[in-house]
Amino acid sequence: MIQFQEQDGRLICSFTGPLDTAVCQRMEAELMAKVDAARLPVVFDLNGVDFIGSMFLRLCLMVIKNVQANNFRLMNMKPPVKKVFKIAGFDQCLDPGSAGPAT
């Protein structure tokens, strides 16, 4: 569901599978502990994700609050996932090299 890797001075969090409420509740403590311990800019790699729920948006906001918005990026999103982030107002966090435009 989630893998962590430090690369180029950033904490890369790679997610797979649907990120619904139940999944997010199970990963919240581990995710926040890693973010707190790393004290690095955070990147969420969503290459393996086809669905995000509102709980995942909440987790993103928690990480942003921890590391500041300019130290948080979302990347490798499929168009439907990218569209959810744009609707939710996360435009400033989208990596310019992310997968195709949201429809």
PDB file of N, CA and C in Angstrom:
ATOM      1  N   MET A   1       0.790  -1.189   0.000  1.00  0.00           N
ATOM      2  CA  MET A   1       0.000   0.000   0.000  1.00  0.00           C
ATOM      3  C   MET A   1       0.841   1.266   0.000  1.00  0.00           C
ATOM      4  N   ILE A   2       1.902   1.286   0.825  1.00  0.00           N
ATOM      5  CA  ILE A   2       2.779   2.457   0.860  1.00  0.00           C
ATOM      6  C   ILE A   2       4.220   2.005   1.090  1.00  0.00           C
ATOM      7  N   GLN A   3       5.108   2.602   0.312  1.00  0.00           N
ATOM      8  CA  GLN A   3       6.536   2.350   0.475  1.00  0.00           C
ATOM      9  C   GLN A   3       7.234   3.697   0.606  1.00  0.00           C
ATOM     10  N   PHE A   4       8.282   3.721   1.423  1.00  0.00           N
ATOM     11  CA  PHE A   4       9.020   4.952   1.686  1.00  0.00           C
ATOM     12  C   PHE A   4      10.450   4.824   1.163  1.00  0.00           C
ATOM     13  N   GLN A   5      10.944   5.924   0.611  1.00  0.00           N
ATOM     14  CA  GLN A   5      12.319   5.954   0.120  1.00  0.00           C
ATOM     15  C   GLN A   5      12.824   7.393   0.211  1.00  0.00           C
ATOM     16  N   GLU A   6      14.015   7.562   0.751  1.00  0.00           N
ATOM     17  CA  GLU A   6      14.646   8.877   0.740  1.00  0.00           C
ATOM     18  C   GLU A   6      15.495   8.975  -0.508  1.00  0.00           C
ATOM     19  N   GLN A   7      15.254  10.021  -1.290  1.00  0.00           N
ATOM     20  CA  GLN A   7      15.958  10.185  -2.560  1.00  0.00           C
ATOM     21  C   GLN A   7      16.116  11.676  -2.853  1.00  0.00           C
ATOM     22  N   ASP A   8      17.307  12.090  -3.179  1.00  0.00           N
ATOM     23  CA  ASP A   8      17.589  13.484  -3.542  1.00  0.00           C
ATOM     24  C   ASP A   8      17.080  14.478  -2.494  1.00  0.00           C
ATOM     25  N   GLY A   9      17.242  14.141  -1.229  1.00  0.00           N
ATOM     26  CA  GLY A   9      16.830  15.038  -0.163  1.00  0.00           C
ATOM     27  C   GLY A   9      15.335  15.154   0.027  1.00  0.00           C
ATOM     28  N   ARG A  10      14.590  14.154  -0.449  1.00  0.00           N
ATOM     29  CA  ARG A  10      13.129  14.149  -0.301  1.00  0.00           C
ATOM     30  C   ARG A  10      12.675  12.784   0.193  1.00  0.00           C
ATOM     31  N   LEU A  11      11.557  12.763   0.883  1.00  0.00           N
ATOM     32  CA  LEU A  11      10.924  11.509   1.277  1.00  0.00           C
ATOM     33  C   LEU A  11       9.872  11.185   0.221  1.00  0.00           C
ATOM     34  N   ILE A  12      10.098  10.107  -0.531  1.00  0.00           N
ATOM     35  CA  ILE A  12       9.161   9.668  -1.563  1.00  0.00           C
ATOM     36  C   ILE A  12       8.251   8.614  -0.948  1.00  0.00           C
ATOM     37  N   CYS A  13       6.962   8.874  -0.963  1.00  0.00           N
ATOM     38  CA  CYS A  13       5.956   7.939  -0.453  1.00  0.00           C
ATOM     39  C   CYS A  13       5.195   7.410  -1.660  1.00  0.00           C
ATOM     40  N   SER A  14       5.405   6.134  -1.986  1.00  0.00           N
ATOM     41  CA  SER A  14       4.771   5.522  -3.159  1.00  0.00           C
ATOM     42  C   SER A  14       3.569   4.703  -2.712  1.00  0.00           C
ATOM     43  N   PHE A  15       2.430   5.027  -3.282  1.00  0.00           N
ATOM     44  CA  PHE A  15       1.168   4.388  -2.909  1.00  0.00           C
ATOM     45  C   PHE A  15       0.680   3.469  -4.024  1.00  0.00           C
ATOM     46  N   THR A  16      -0.018   2.397  -3.634  1.00  0.00           N
ATOM     47  CA  THR A  16      -0.661   1.505  -4.592  1.00  0.00           C
ATOM     48  C   THR A  16      -2.035   1.121  -4.068  1.00  0.00           C
ATOM     49  N   GLY A  17      -2.909   0.803  -5.002  1.00  0.00           N
ATOM     50  CA  GLY A  17      -4.251   0.359  -4.631  1.00  0.00           C
ATOM     51  C   GLY A  17      -5.195   1.518  -4.393  1.00  0.00           C
ATOM     52  N   PRO A  18      -6.442   1.209  -4.103  1.00  0.00           N
ATOM     53  CA  PRO A  18      -7.407   2.263  -3.799  1.00  0.00           C
ATOM     54  C   PRO A  18      -7.115   2.860  -2.431  1.00  0.00           C
ATOM     55  N   LEU A  19      -7.172   4.167  -2.338  1.00  0.00           N
ATOM     56  CA  LEU A  19      -6.892   4.852  -1.068  1.00  0.00           C
ATOM     57  C   LEU A  19      -8.204   5.338  -0.471  1.00  0.00           C
ATOM     58  N   ASP A  20      -8.985   4.373  -0.007  1.00  0.00           N
ATOM     59  CA  ASP A  20     -10.278   4.671   0.603  1.00  0.00           C
ATOM     60  C   ASP A  20     -10.091   4.929   2.101  1.00  0.00           C
ATOM     61  N   THR A  21     -11.187   5.170   2.791  1.00  0.00           N
ATOM     62  CA  THR A  21     -11.126   5.520   4.207  1.00  0.00           C
ATOM     63  C   THR A  21     -10.458   4.446   5.055  1.00  0.00           C
ATOM     64  N   ALA A  22     -10.837   3.199   4.850  1.00  0.00           N
ATOM     65  CA  ALA A  22     -10.281   2.112   5.664  1.00  0.00           C
ATOM     66  C   ALA A  22      -8.771   1.998   5.481  1.00  0.00           C
ATOM     67  N   VAL A  23      -8.312   2.059   4.252  1.00  0.00           N
ATOM     68  CA  VAL A  23      -6.875   1.961   3.962  1.00  0.00           C
ATOM     69  C   VAL A  23      -6.139   3.144   4.596  1.00  0.00           C
ATOM     70  N   CYS A  24      -6.675   4.326   4.430  1.00  0.00           N
ATOM     71  CA  CYS A  24      -6.023   5.525   4.965  1.00  0.00           C
ATOM     72  C   CYS A  24      -5.947   5.498   6.492  1.00  0.00           C
ATOM     73  N   GLN A  25      -6.983   5.005   7.138  1.00  0.00           N
ATOM     74  CA  GLN A  25      -6.955   4.916   8.603  1.00  0.00           C
ATOM     75  C   GLN A  25      -5.853   3.972   9.066  1.00  0.00           C
ATOM     76  N   ARG A  26      -5.654   2.885   8.319  1.00  0.00           N
ATOM     77  CA  ARG A  26      -4.608   1.920   8.697  1.00  0.00           C
ATOM     78  C   ARG A  26      -3.206   2.492   8.482  1.00  0.00           C
ATOM     79  N   MET A  27      -3.019   3.356   7.488  1.00  0.00           N
ATOM     80  CA  MET A  27      -1.674   3.844   7.184  1.00  0.00           C
ATOM     81  C   MET A  27      -1.339   5.189   7.833  1.00  0.00           C
ATOM     82  N   GLU A  28      -2.313   5.869   8.408  1.00  0.00           N
ATOM     83  CA  GLU A  28      -2.101   7.219   8.910  1.00  0.00           C
ATOM     84  C   GLU A  28      -0.956   7.320   9.914  1.00  0.00           C
ATOM     85  N   ALA A  29      -0.936   6.479  10.930  1.00  0.00           N
ATOM     86  CA  ALA A  29       0.093   6.570  11.978  1.00  0.00           C
ATOM     87  C   ALA A  29       1.485   6.342  11.399  1.00  0.00           C
ATOM     88  N   GLU A  30       1.638   5.322  10.554  1.00  0.00           N
ATOM     89  CA  GLU A  30       2.939   5.031   9.956  1.00  0.00           C
ATOM     90  C   GLU A  30       3.394   6.182   9.058  1.00  0.00           C
ATOM     91  N   LEU A  31       2.495   6.693   8.241  1.00  0.00           N
ATOM     92  CA  LEU A  31       2.830   7.793   7.333  1.00  0.00           C
ATOM     93  C   LEU A  31       3.287   9.013   8.110  1.00  0.00           C
ATOM     94  N   MET A  32       2.528   9.416   9.094  1.00  0.00           N
ATOM     95  CA  MET A  32       2.882  10.615   9.842  1.00  0.00           C
ATOM     96  C   MET A  32       4.166  10.428  10.647  1.00  0.00           C
ATOM     97  N   ALA A  33       4.401   9.234  11.158  1.00  0.00           N
ATOM     98  CA  ALA A  33       5.651   8.966  11.877  1.00  0.00           C
ATOM     99  C   ALA A  33       6.848   9.103  10.939  1.00  0.00           C
ATOM    100  N   LYS A  34       6.726   8.579   9.721  1.00  0.00           N
ATOM    101  CA  LYS A  34       7.826   8.685   8.742  1.00  0.00           C
ATOM    102  C   LYS A  34       8.069  10.137   8.349  1.00  0.00           C
ATOM    103  N   VAL A  35       6.996  10.885   8.111  1.00  0.00           N
ATOM    104  CA  VAL A  35       7.129  12.295   7.736  1.00  0.00           C
ATOM    105  C   VAL A  35       7.780  13.079   8.871  1.00  0.00           C
ATOM    106  N   ASP A  36       7.342  12.845  10.105  1.00  0.00           N
ATOM    107  CA  ASP A  36       7.919  13.540  11.263  1.00  0.00           C
ATOM    108  C   ASP A  36       9.399  13.217  11.428  1.00  0.00           C
ATOM    109  N   ALA A  37       9.748  11.937  11.277  1.00  0.00           N
ATOM    110  CA  ALA A  37      11.132  11.505  11.486  1.00  0.00           C
ATOM    111  C   ALA A  37      12.066  11.987  10.376  1.00  0.00           C
ATOM    112  N   ALA A  38      11.568  12.024   9.151  1.00  0.00           N
ATOM    113  CA  ALA A  38      12.431  12.359   8.009  1.00  0.00           C
ATOM    114  C   ALA A  38      12.810  13.834   7.991  1.00  0.00           C
ATOM    115  N   ARG A  39      11.887  14.704   8.359  1.00  0.00           N
ATOM    116  CA  ARG A  39      12.141  16.157   8.319  1.00  0.00           C
ATOM    117  C   ARG A  39      12.664  16.588   6.954  1.00  0.00           C
ATOM    118  N   LEU A  40      12.045  16.067   5.894  1.00  0.00           N
ATOM    119  CA  LEU A  40      12.419  16.356   4.518  1.00  0.00           C
ATOM    120  C   LEU A  40      11.183  16.789   3.740  1.00  0.00           C
ATOM    121  N   PRO A  41      11.378  17.438   2.579  1.00  0.00           N
ATOM    122  CA  PRO A  41      10.243  17.640   1.684  1.00  0.00           C
ATOM    123  C   PRO A  41       9.631  16.280   1.327  1.00  0.00           C
ATOM    124  N   VAL A  42       8.324  16.261   1.113  1.00  0.00           N
ATOM    125  CA  VAL A  42       7.607  15.005   0.883  1.00  0.00           C
ATOM    126  C   VAL A  42       6.992  14.993  -0.510  1.00  0.00           C
ATOM    127  N   VAL A  43       7.137  13.847  -1.182  1.00  0.00           N
ATOM    128  CA  VAL A  43       6.519  13.632  -2.486  1.00  0.00           C
ATOM    129  C   VAL A  43       5.634  12.402  -2.388  1.00  0.00           C
ATOM    130  N   PHE A  44       4.373  12.543  -2.785  1.00  0.00           N
ATOM    131  CA  PHE A  44       3.466  11.406  -2.880  1.00  0.00           C
ATOM    132  C   PHE A  44       3.453  10.947  -4.331  1.00  0.00           C
ATOM    133  N   ASP A  45       3.952   9.744  -4.574  1.00  0.00           N
ATOM    134  CA  ASP A  45       3.944   9.137  -5.905  1.00  0.00           C
ATOM    135  C   ASP A  45       2.699   8.265  -5.993  1.00  0.00           C
ATOM    136  N   LEU A  46       1.763   8.652  -6.857  1.00  0.00           N
ATOM    137  CA  LEU A  46       0.469   7.982  -6.937  1.00  0.00           C
ATOM    138  C   LEU A  46       0.325   7.149  -8.210  1.00  0.00           C
ATOM    139  N   ASN A  47       1.437   6.676  -8.726  1.00  0.00           N
ATOM    140  CA  ASN A  47       1.425   5.910  -9.970  1.00  0.00           C
ATOM    141  C   ASN A  47       0.530   4.680  -9.897  1.00  0.00           C
ATOM    142  N   GLY A  48       0.471   4.007  -8.770  1.00  0.00           N
ATOM    143  CA  GLY A  48      -0.304   2.781  -8.635  1.00  0.00           C
ATOM    144  C   GLY A  48      -1.687   2.978  -8.048  1.00  0.00           C
ATOM    145  N   VAL A  49      -2.223   4.205  -8.132  1.00  0.00           N
ATOM    146  CA  VAL A  49      -3.496   4.524  -7.492  1.00  0.00           C
ATOM    147  C   VAL A  49      -4.553   4.874  -8.539  1.00  0.00           C
ATOM    148  N   ASP A  50      -5.714   4.224  -8.422  1.00  0.00           N
ATOM    149  CA  ASP A  50      -6.834   4.512  -9.321  1.00  0.00           C
ATOM    150  C   ASP A  50      -7.973   5.244  -8.619  1.00  0.00           C
ATOM    151  N   PHE A  51      -7.953   5.266  -7.286  1.00  0.00           N
ATOM    152  CA  PHE A  51      -9.044   5.882  -6.525  1.00  0.00           C
ATOM    153  C   PHE A  51      -8.490   6.507  -5.255  1.00  0.00           C
ATOM    154  N   ILE A  52      -8.940   7.736  -4.957  1.00  0.00           N
ATOM    155  CA  ILE A  52      -8.640   8.353  -3.664  1.00  0.00           C
ATOM    156  C   ILE A  52      -9.951   8.818  -3.048  1.00  0.00           C
ATOM    157  N   GLY A  53     -10.061   8.619  -1.747  1.00  0.00           N
ATOM    158  CA  GLY A  53     -11.222   9.078  -1.011  1.00  0.00           C
ATOM    159  C   GLY A  53     -10.894  10.337  -0.235  1.00  0.00           C
ATOM    160  N   SER A  54     -11.896  10.897   0.403  1.00  0.00           N
ATOM    161  CA  SER A  54     -11.714  12.145   1.151  1.00  0.00           C
ATOM    162  C   SER A  54     -10.718  11.991   2.300  1.00  0.00           C
ATOM    163  N   MET A  55     -10.621  10.802   2.857  1.00  0.00           N
ATOM    164  CA  MET A  55      -9.657  10.567   3.944  1.00  0.00           C
ATOM    165  C   MET A  55      -8.227  10.746   3.440  1.00  0.00           C
ATOM    166  N   PHE A  56      -7.956  10.387   2.185  1.00  0.00           N
ATOM    167  CA  PHE A  56      -6.610  10.590   1.653  1.00  0.00           C
ATOM    168  C   PHE A  56      -6.330  12.082   1.473  1.00  0.00           C
ATOM    169  N   LEU A  57      -7.331  12.840   1.068  1.00  0.00           N
ATOM    170  CA  LEU A  57      -7.156  14.292   0.978  1.00  0.00           C
ATOM    171  C   LEU A  57      -6.820  14.855   2.360  1.00  0.00           C
ATOM    172  N   ARG A  58      -7.461  14.330   3.378  1.00  0.00           N
ATOM    173  CA  ARG A  58      -7.169  14.744   4.758  1.00  0.00           C
ATOM    174  C   ARG A  58      -5.724  14.430   5.133  1.00  0.00           C
ATOM    175  N   LEU A  59      -5.247  13.238   4.753  1.00  0.00           N
ATOM    176  CA  LEU A  59      -3.849  12.887   5.027  1.00  0.00           C
ATOM    177  C   LEU A  59      -2.901  13.856   4.327  1.00  0.00           C
ATOM    178  N   CYS A  60      -3.233  14.221   3.104  1.00  0.00           N
ATOM    179  CA  CYS A  60      -2.402  15.193   2.379  1.00  0.00           C
ATOM    180  C   CYS A  60      -2.337  16.511   3.137  1.00  0.00           C
ATOM    181  N   LEU A  61      -3.471  16.974   3.632  1.00  0.00           N
ATOM    182  CA  LEU A  61      -3.502  18.221   4.398  1.00  0.00           C
ATOM    183  C   LEU A  61      -2.685  18.120   5.684  1.00  0.00           C
ATOM    184  N   MET A  62      -2.720  16.963   6.324  1.00  0.00           N
ATOM    185  CA  MET A  62      -1.923  16.763   7.537  1.00  0.00           C
ATOM    186  C   MET A  62      -0.431  16.859   7.224  1.00  0.00           C
ATOM    187  N   VAL A  63      -0.020  16.257   6.117  1.00  0.00           N
ATOM    188  CA  VAL A  63       1.392  16.315   5.725  1.00  0.00           C
ATOM    189  C   VAL A  63       1.774  17.744   5.349  1.00  0.00           C
ATOM    190  N   ILE A  64       0.914  18.423   4.600  1.00  0.00           N
ATOM    191  CA  ILE A  64       1.185  19.821   4.229  1.00  0.00           C
ATOM    192  C   ILE A  64       1.359  20.679   5.475  1.00  0.00           C
ATOM    193  N   LYS A  65       0.511  20.478   6.455  1.00  0.00           N
ATOM    194  CA  LYS A  65       0.623  21.247   7.703  1.00  0.00           C
ATOM    195  C   LYS A  65       1.958  20.964   8.390  1.00  0.00           C
ATOM    196  N   ASN A  66       2.433  19.740   8.281  1.00  0.00           N
ATOM    197  CA  ASN A  66       3.683  19.333   8.924  1.00  0.00           C
ATOM    198  C   ASN A  66       4.912  19.900   8.199  1.00  0.00           C
ATOM    199  N   VAL A  67       4.912  19.851   6.856  1.00  0.00           N
ATOM    200  CA  VAL A  67       6.116  20.216   6.103  1.00  0.00           C
ATOM    201  C   VAL A  67       6.002  21.538   5.345  1.00  0.00           C
ATOM    202  N   GLN A  68       4.839  22.177   5.354  1.00  0.00           N
ATOM    203  CA  GLN A  68       4.528  23.395   4.603  1.00  0.00           C
ATOM    204  C   GLN A  68       4.251  23.053   3.133  1.00  0.00           C
ATOM    205  N   ALA A  69       3.354  23.787   2.526  1.00  0.00           N
ATOM    206  CA  ALA A  69       2.876  23.495   1.166  1.00  0.00           C
ATOM    207  C   ALA A  69       3.996  23.481   0.132  1.00  0.00           C
ATOM    208  N   ASN A  70       4.981  24.354   0.272  1.00  0.00           N
ATOM    209  CA  ASN A  70       6.058  24.404  -0.729  1.00  0.00           C
ATOM    210  C   ASN A  70       7.009  23.207  -0.619  1.00  0.00           C
ATOM    211  N   ASN A  71       6.858  22.377   0.391  1.00  0.00           N
ATOM    212  CA  ASN A  71       7.681  21.173   0.569  1.00  0.00           C
ATOM    213  C   ASN A  71       6.877  19.890   0.340  1.00  0.00           C
ATOM    214  N   PHE A  72       5.754  19.997  -0.360  1.00  0.00           N
ATOM    215  CA  PHE A  72       4.896  18.842  -0.620  1.00  0.00           C
ATOM    216  C   PHE A  72       4.525  18.824  -2.096  1.00  0.00           C
ATOM    217  N   ARG A  73       4.694  17.655  -2.731  1.00  0.00           N
ATOM    218  CA  ARG A  73       4.344  17.493  -4.142  1.00  0.00           C
ATOM    219  C   ARG A  73       3.600  16.189  -4.359  1.00  0.00           C
ATOM    220  N   LEU A  74       2.719  16.206  -5.348  1.00  0.00           N
ATOM    221  CA  LEU A  74       2.002  15.027  -5.821  1.00  0.00           C
ATOM    222  C   LEU A  74       2.496  14.742  -7.228  1.00  0.00           C
ATOM    223  N   MET A  75       2.769  13.470  -7.533  1.00  0.00           N
ATOM    224  CA  MET A  75       3.261  13.154  -8.872  1.00  0.00           C
ATOM    225  C   MET A  75       2.718  11.824  -9.372  1.00  0.00           C
ATOM    226  N   ASN A  76       2.843  11.626 -10.676  1.00  0.00           N
ATOM    227  CA  ASN A  76       2.482  10.373 -11.357  1.00  0.00           C
ATOM    228  C   ASN A  76       1.026   9.978 -11.142  1.00  0.00           C
ATOM    229  N   MET A  77       0.143  10.939 -11.306  1.00  0.00           N
ATOM    230  CA  MET A  77      -1.281  10.663 -11.118  1.00  0.00           C
ATOM    231  C   MET A  77      -1.955  10.333 -12.444  1.00  0.00           C
ATOM    232  N   LYS A  78      -2.859   9.398 -12.385  1.00  0.00           N
ATOM    233  CA  LYS A  78      -3.710   9.102 -13.531  1.00  0.00           C
ATOM    234  C   LYS A  78      -4.738  10.226 -13.632  1.00  0.00           C
ATOM    235  N   PRO A  79      -5.224  10.513 -14.843  1.00  0.00           N
ATOM    236  CA  PRO A  79      -6.131  11.661 -15.015  1.00  0.00           C
ATOM    237  C   PRO A  79      -7.315  11.732 -14.047  1.00  0.00           C
ATOM    238  N   PRO A  80      -8.029  10.629 -13.742  1.00  0.00           N
ATOM    239  CA  PRO A  80      -9.150  10.773 -12.795  1.00  0.00           C
ATOM    240  C   PRO A  80      -8.703  11.178 -11.391  1.00  0.00           C
ATOM    241  N   VAL A  81      -7.552  10.690 -10.962  1.00  0.00           N
ATOM    242  CA  VAL A  81      -7.032  11.048  -9.636  1.00  0.00           C
ATOM    243  C   VAL A  81      -6.583  12.505  -9.638  1.00  0.00           C
ATOM    244  N   LYS A  82      -5.907  12.910 -10.699  1.00  0.00           N
ATOM    245  CA  LYS A  82      -5.448  14.296 -10.813  1.00  0.00           C
ATOM    246  C   LYS A  82      -6.642  15.253 -10.790  1.00  0.00           C
ATOM    247  N   LYS A  83      -7.722  14.859 -11.426  1.00  0.00           N
ATOM    248  CA  LYS A  83      -8.923  15.695 -11.454  1.00  0.00           C
ATOM    249  C   LYS A  83      -9.470  15.929 -10.046  1.00  0.00           C
ATOM    250  N   VAL A  84      -9.471  14.893  -9.215  1.00  0.00           N
ATOM    251  CA  VAL A  84      -9.947  15.037  -7.824  1.00  0.00           C
ATOM    252  C   VAL A  84      -9.089  16.055  -7.079  1.00  0.00           C
ATOM    253  N   PHE A  85      -7.774  15.966  -7.247  1.00  0.00           N
ATOM    254  CA  PHE A  85      -6.894  16.917  -6.557  1.00  0.00           C
ATOM    255  C   PHE A  85      -7.123  18.342  -7.053  1.00  0.00           C
ATOM    256  N   LYS A  86      -7.344  18.522  -8.344  1.00  0.00           N
ATOM    257  CA  LYS A  86      -7.605  19.865  -8.874  1.00  0.00           C
ATOM    258  C   LYS A  86      -8.914  20.417  -8.324  1.00  0.00           C
ATOM    259  N   ILE A  87      -9.952  19.598  -8.292  1.00  0.00           N
ATOM    260  CA  ILE A  87     -11.238  20.038  -7.754  1.00  0.00           C
ATOM    261  C   ILE A  87     -11.105  20.408  -6.280  1.00  0.00           C
ATOM    262  N   ALA A  88     -10.277  19.656  -5.545  1.00  0.00           N
ATOM    263  CA  ALA A  88     -10.081  19.904  -4.113  1.00  0.00           C
ATOM    264  C   ALA A  88      -9.160  21.093  -3.839  1.00  0.00           C
ATOM    265  N   GLY A  89      -8.587  21.683  -4.881  1.00  0.00           N
ATOM    266  CA  GLY A  89      -7.751  22.869  -4.700  1.00  0.00           C
ATOM    267  C   GLY A  89      -6.291  22.597  -4.412  1.00  0.00           C
ATOM    268  N   PHE A  90      -5.810  21.428  -4.801  1.00  0.00           N
ATOM    269  CA  PHE A  90      -4.406  21.067  -4.571  1.00  0.00           C
ATOM    270  C   PHE A  90      -3.522  21.420  -5.773  1.00  0.00           C
ATOM    271  N   ASP A  91      -3.963  22.327  -6.627  1.00  0.00           N
ATOM    272  CA  ASP A  91      -3.236  22.658  -7.855  1.00  0.00           C
ATOM    273  C   ASP A  91      -1.770  23.001  -7.599  1.00  0.00           C
ATOM    274  N   GLN A  92      -1.491  23.748  -6.541  1.00  0.00           N
ATOM    275  CA  GLN A  92      -0.125  24.183  -6.261  1.00  0.00           C
ATOM    276  C   GLN A  92       0.793  23.024  -5.883  1.00  0.00           C
ATOM    277  N   CYS A  93       0.228  21.871  -5.542  1.00  0.00           N
ATOM    278  CA  CYS A  93       1.022  20.712  -5.129  1.00  0.00           C
ATOM    279  C   CYS A  93       1.274  19.729  -6.264  1.00  0.00           C
ATOM    280  N   LEU A  94       0.647  19.952  -7.412  1.00  0.00           N
ATOM    281  CA  LEU A  94       0.792  19.024  -8.528  1.00  0.00           C
ATOM    282  C   LEU A  94       2.134  19.213  -9.192  1.00  0.00           C
ATOM    283  N   ASP A  95       2.847  18.115  -9.408  1.00  0.00           N
ATOM    284  CA  ASP A  95       4.127  18.150 -10.088  1.00  0.00           C
ATOM    285  C   ASP A  95       3.863  18.434 -11.555  1.00  0.00           C
ATOM    286  N   PRO A  96       4.576  19.417 -12.150  1.00  0.00           N
ATOM    287  CA  PRO A  96       4.325  19.744 -13.555  1.00  0.00           C
ATOM    288  C   PRO A  96       4.559  18.574 -14.497  1.00  0.00           C
ATOM    289  N   GLY A  97       5.373  17.613 -14.092  1.00  0.00           N
ATOM    290  CA  GLY A  97       5.650  16.456 -14.938  1.00  0.00           C
ATOM    291  C   GLY A  97       4.694  15.304 -14.720  1.00  0.00           C
ATOM    292  N   SER A  98       3.603  15.527 -13.979  1.00  0.00           N
ATOM    293  CA  SER A  98       2.651  14.469 -13.692  1.00  0.00           C
ATOM    294  C   SER A  98       2.003  13.955 -14.971  1.00  0.00           C
ATOM    295  N   ALA A  99       1.442  12.763 -14.836  1.00  0.00           N
ATOM    296  CA  ALA A  99       0.745  12.147 -15.966  1.00  0.00           C
ATOM    297  C   ALA A  99      -0.279  13.118 -16.526  1.00  0.00           C
ATOM    298  N   GLY A 100      -0.647  12.920 -17.759  1.00  0.00           N
ATOM    299  CA  GLY A 100      -1.511  13.755 -18.578  1.00  0.00           C
ATOM    300  C   GLY A 100      -2.487  14.664 -17.869  1.00  0.00           C
ATOM    301  N   PRO A 101      -3.092  15.558 -18.615  1.00  0.00           N
ATOM    302  CA  PRO A 101      -4.004  16.537 -18.026  1.00  0.00           C
ATOM    303  C   PRO A 101      -5.270  15.868 -17.504  1.00  0.00           C
ATOM    304  N   ALA A 102      -5.802  16.474 -16.475  1.00  0.00           N
ATOM    305  CA  ALA A 102      -7.067  15.978 -15.935  1.00  0.00           C
ATOM    306  C   ALA A 102      -8.191  16.327 -16.898  1.00  0.00           C
ATOM    307  N   THR A 103      -9.147  15.432 -16.988  1.00  0.00           N
ATOM    308  CA  THR A 103     -10.279  15.706 -17.877  1.00  0.00           C
ATOM    309  C   THR A 103     -11.511  16.026 -17.085  1.00  0.00           C
TER     310      THR A 103
END
